[in-house]
Amino acid sequence: MIAPTKPKLATEADRTIGSRIAALRAAQGLSQTMLGQAIGVSFQQVQKYEKGRNRIGAGRLQAIADMLQVPVETFFAGQTGADDGTAAASTFFDDPKVMELVLAFTSISDETTRDSVLSIVKSAASLRQGPALSRSS
């Protein structure tokens, strides 16, 4: 049996969704004021959403997703509790730099350029991992 939750109290899911909103907003260079104006709330309310202190209604969450140009599902990735690897991957949503990289990468329309950028990032990652691997040997 599922334990009853107190209505209107923010949950861990609210905090996770809020942190993803904050990361996406920061990655796009938007202030809390700008996001608040776009969705019709104060910047203080945006702060409460991002900290998970206040719950976000479905309509408002859709407005936020539209403003941030992401599907609303972005905020729920990996929250099912399944151990299929998505929970670990979802922690990347909490890093604004990762979100900035993803948003910039997805804005590249030329497939050859995308392949080149991916190759550069992979090369940089292998350089960083290479010495660490040799030190532990």
Protein backbone atom coordinates (compact mmCIF):
# COMPACT_ATOMS: atom_id res chain seq x y z
CA MET A 1 0.00 0.00 0.00
CA ILE A 2 1.27 3.46 -0.85
CA ALA A 3 1.64 5.75 2.13
CA PRO A 4 -0.64 8.77 1.90
CA THR A 5 1.09 12.08 1.30
CA LYS A 6 0.05 15.37 2.73
CA PRO A 7 -1.67 17.44 0.07
CA LYS A 8 0.01 20.61 -1.13
CA LEU A 9 3.38 19.83 0.47
CA ALA A 10 6.35 19.86 -1.87
CA THR A 11 7.94 16.47 -2.51
CA GLU A 12 11.32 15.21 -3.64
CA ALA A 13 9.91 15.17 -7.19
CA ASP A 14 9.08 18.88 -6.85
CA ARG A 15 12.67 19.58 -5.80
CA THR A 16 14.07 17.54 -8.69
CA ILE A 17 11.84 19.28 -11.22
CA GLY A 18 12.79 22.65 -9.73
CA SER A 19 16.50 21.97 -9.97
CA ARG A 20 16.10 20.94 -13.60
CA ILE A 21 14.23 24.15 -14.32
CA ALA A 22 17.05 26.12 -12.68
CA ALA A 23 19.72 24.29 -14.69
CA LEU A 24 17.92 24.79 -18.00
CA ARG A 25 17.18 28.44 -17.22
CA ALA A 26 20.81 29.12 -16.31
CA ALA A 27 22.09 27.24 -19.37
CA GLN A 28 20.01 29.53 -21.57
CA GLY A 29 21.19 32.65 -19.81
CA LEU A 30 17.75 33.56 -18.50
CA SER A 31 17.32 35.28 -15.16
CA GLN A 32 14.62 34.26 -12.72
CA THR A 33 12.98 37.61 -13.44
CA MET A 34 12.88 36.94 -17.18
CA LEU A 35 11.40 33.46 -16.70
CA GLY A 36 8.90 34.80 -14.19
CA GLN A 37 7.73 37.54 -16.54
CA ALA A 38 7.36 35.05 -19.37
CA ILE A 39 5.14 32.72 -17.32
CA GLY A 40 3.30 35.39 -15.34
CA VAL A 41 4.82 35.06 -11.87
CA SER A 42 7.34 37.00 -9.77
CA PHE A 43 11.00 36.09 -9.62
CA GLN A 44 10.39 35.11 -5.99
CA GLN A 45 7.87 32.53 -7.15
CA VAL A 46 10.41 31.19 -9.67
CA GLN A 47 12.87 30.89 -6.77
CA LYS A 48 10.33 28.88 -4.81
CA TYR A 49 9.69 26.60 -7.81
CA GLU A 50 13.42 26.05 -8.36
CA LYS A 51 14.07 25.26 -4.71
CA GLY A 52 11.10 22.89 -4.63
CA ARG A 53 9.33 24.88 -1.92
CA ASN A 54 6.22 25.38 -4.03
CA ARG A 55 4.58 22.87 -6.34
CA ILE A 56 4.15 23.70 -10.01
CA GLY A 57 0.78 23.15 -11.65
CA ALA A 58 0.57 21.29 -14.95
CA GLY A 59 -0.31 24.36 -17.00
CA ARG A 60 2.50 26.41 -15.50
CA LEU A 61 4.98 23.55 -16.00
CA GLN A 62 3.98 23.42 -19.66
CA ALA A 63 4.51 27.19 -19.93
CA ILE A 64 7.98 26.80 -18.39
CA ALA A 65 8.82 23.97 -20.79
CA ASP A 66 7.65 26.10 -23.72
CA MET A 67 9.74 29.05 -22.56
CA LEU A 68 12.82 26.85 -22.10
CA GLN A 69 12.11 25.13 -25.43
CA VAL A 70 12.15 21.61 -24.03
CA PRO A 71 9.48 18.92 -23.87
CA VAL A 72 7.76 18.76 -20.49
CA GLU A 73 9.04 15.17 -20.12
CA THR A 74 12.53 16.63 -19.63
CA PHE A 75 11.60 17.46 -16.05
CA PHE A 76 10.53 13.89 -15.28
CA ALA A 77 13.37 11.85 -16.83
CA GLY A 78 14.55 9.07 -14.55
CA GLN A 79 11.97 9.60 -11.80
CA THR A 80 10.21 6.27 -12.21
CA GLY A 81 12.58 4.57 -9.77
CA ALA A 82 13.50 1.90 -12.30
CA ASP A 83 17.10 0.76 -12.29
CA ASP A 84 17.57 1.04 -16.04
CA GLY A 85 20.36 3.63 -16.04
CA THR A 86 18.07 6.61 -16.58
CA ALA A 87 18.26 7.66 -12.93
CA ALA A 88 22.05 8.04 -13.15
CA ALA A 89 21.77 9.87 -16.46
CA SER A 90 19.15 12.22 -15.04
CA THR A 91 21.72 13.72 -12.66
CA PHE A 92 23.26 15.41 -15.69
CA PHE A 93 20.16 17.59 -15.88
CA ASP A 94 21.22 19.15 -12.59
CA ASP A 95 24.47 20.56 -14.05
CA PRO A 96 23.90 23.85 -15.90
CA LYS A 97 27.08 23.37 -17.97
CA VAL A 98 25.84 20.02 -19.25
CA MET A 99 22.52 21.59 -20.16
CA GLU A 100 24.30 24.47 -21.88
CA LEU A 101 26.39 21.99 -23.88
CA VAL A 102 23.34 19.94 -24.86
CA LEU A 103 21.33 23.01 -25.86
CA ALA A 104 24.22 24.39 -27.93
CA PHE A 105 24.84 21.01 -29.56
CA THR A 106 21.21 20.48 -30.47
CA SER A 107 21.10 23.92 -32.07
CA ILE A 108 23.69 22.81 -34.65
CA SER A 109 21.72 21.81 -37.73
CA ASP A 110 24.58 20.62 -39.95
CA GLU A 111 25.17 16.90 -39.37
CA THR A 112 28.85 17.06 -40.36
CA THR A 113 29.47 19.84 -37.86
CA ARG A 114 27.63 17.88 -35.18
CA ASP A 115 29.82 14.85 -35.87
CA SER A 116 32.95 17.02 -35.67
CA VAL A 117 31.89 18.60 -32.38
CA LEU A 118 31.10 15.19 -30.92
CA SER A 119 34.51 13.93 -32.00
CA ILE A 120 36.22 16.89 -30.33
CA VAL A 121 34.33 16.36 -27.07
CA LYS A 122 35.11 12.64 -27.07
CA SER A 123 38.80 13.35 -27.73
CA ALA A 124 38.92 15.87 -24.90
CA ALA A 125 37.23 13.39 -22.57
CA SER A 126 39.69 10.62 -23.44
CA LEU A 127 42.64 12.95 -22.82
CA ARG A 128 41.27 13.75 -19.38
CA GLN A 129 40.64 10.08 -18.57
CA GLY A 130 43.91 8.79 -20.01
CA PRO A 131 46.33 10.02 -17.30
CA ALA A 132 43.90 9.10 -14.52
CA LEU A 133 43.78 5.55 -15.78
CA SER A 134 47.55 5.26 -16.04
CA ARG A 135 48.05 6.61 -12.48
CA SER A 136 45.83 3.93 -11.00
CA SER A 137 47.69 1.12 -12.76
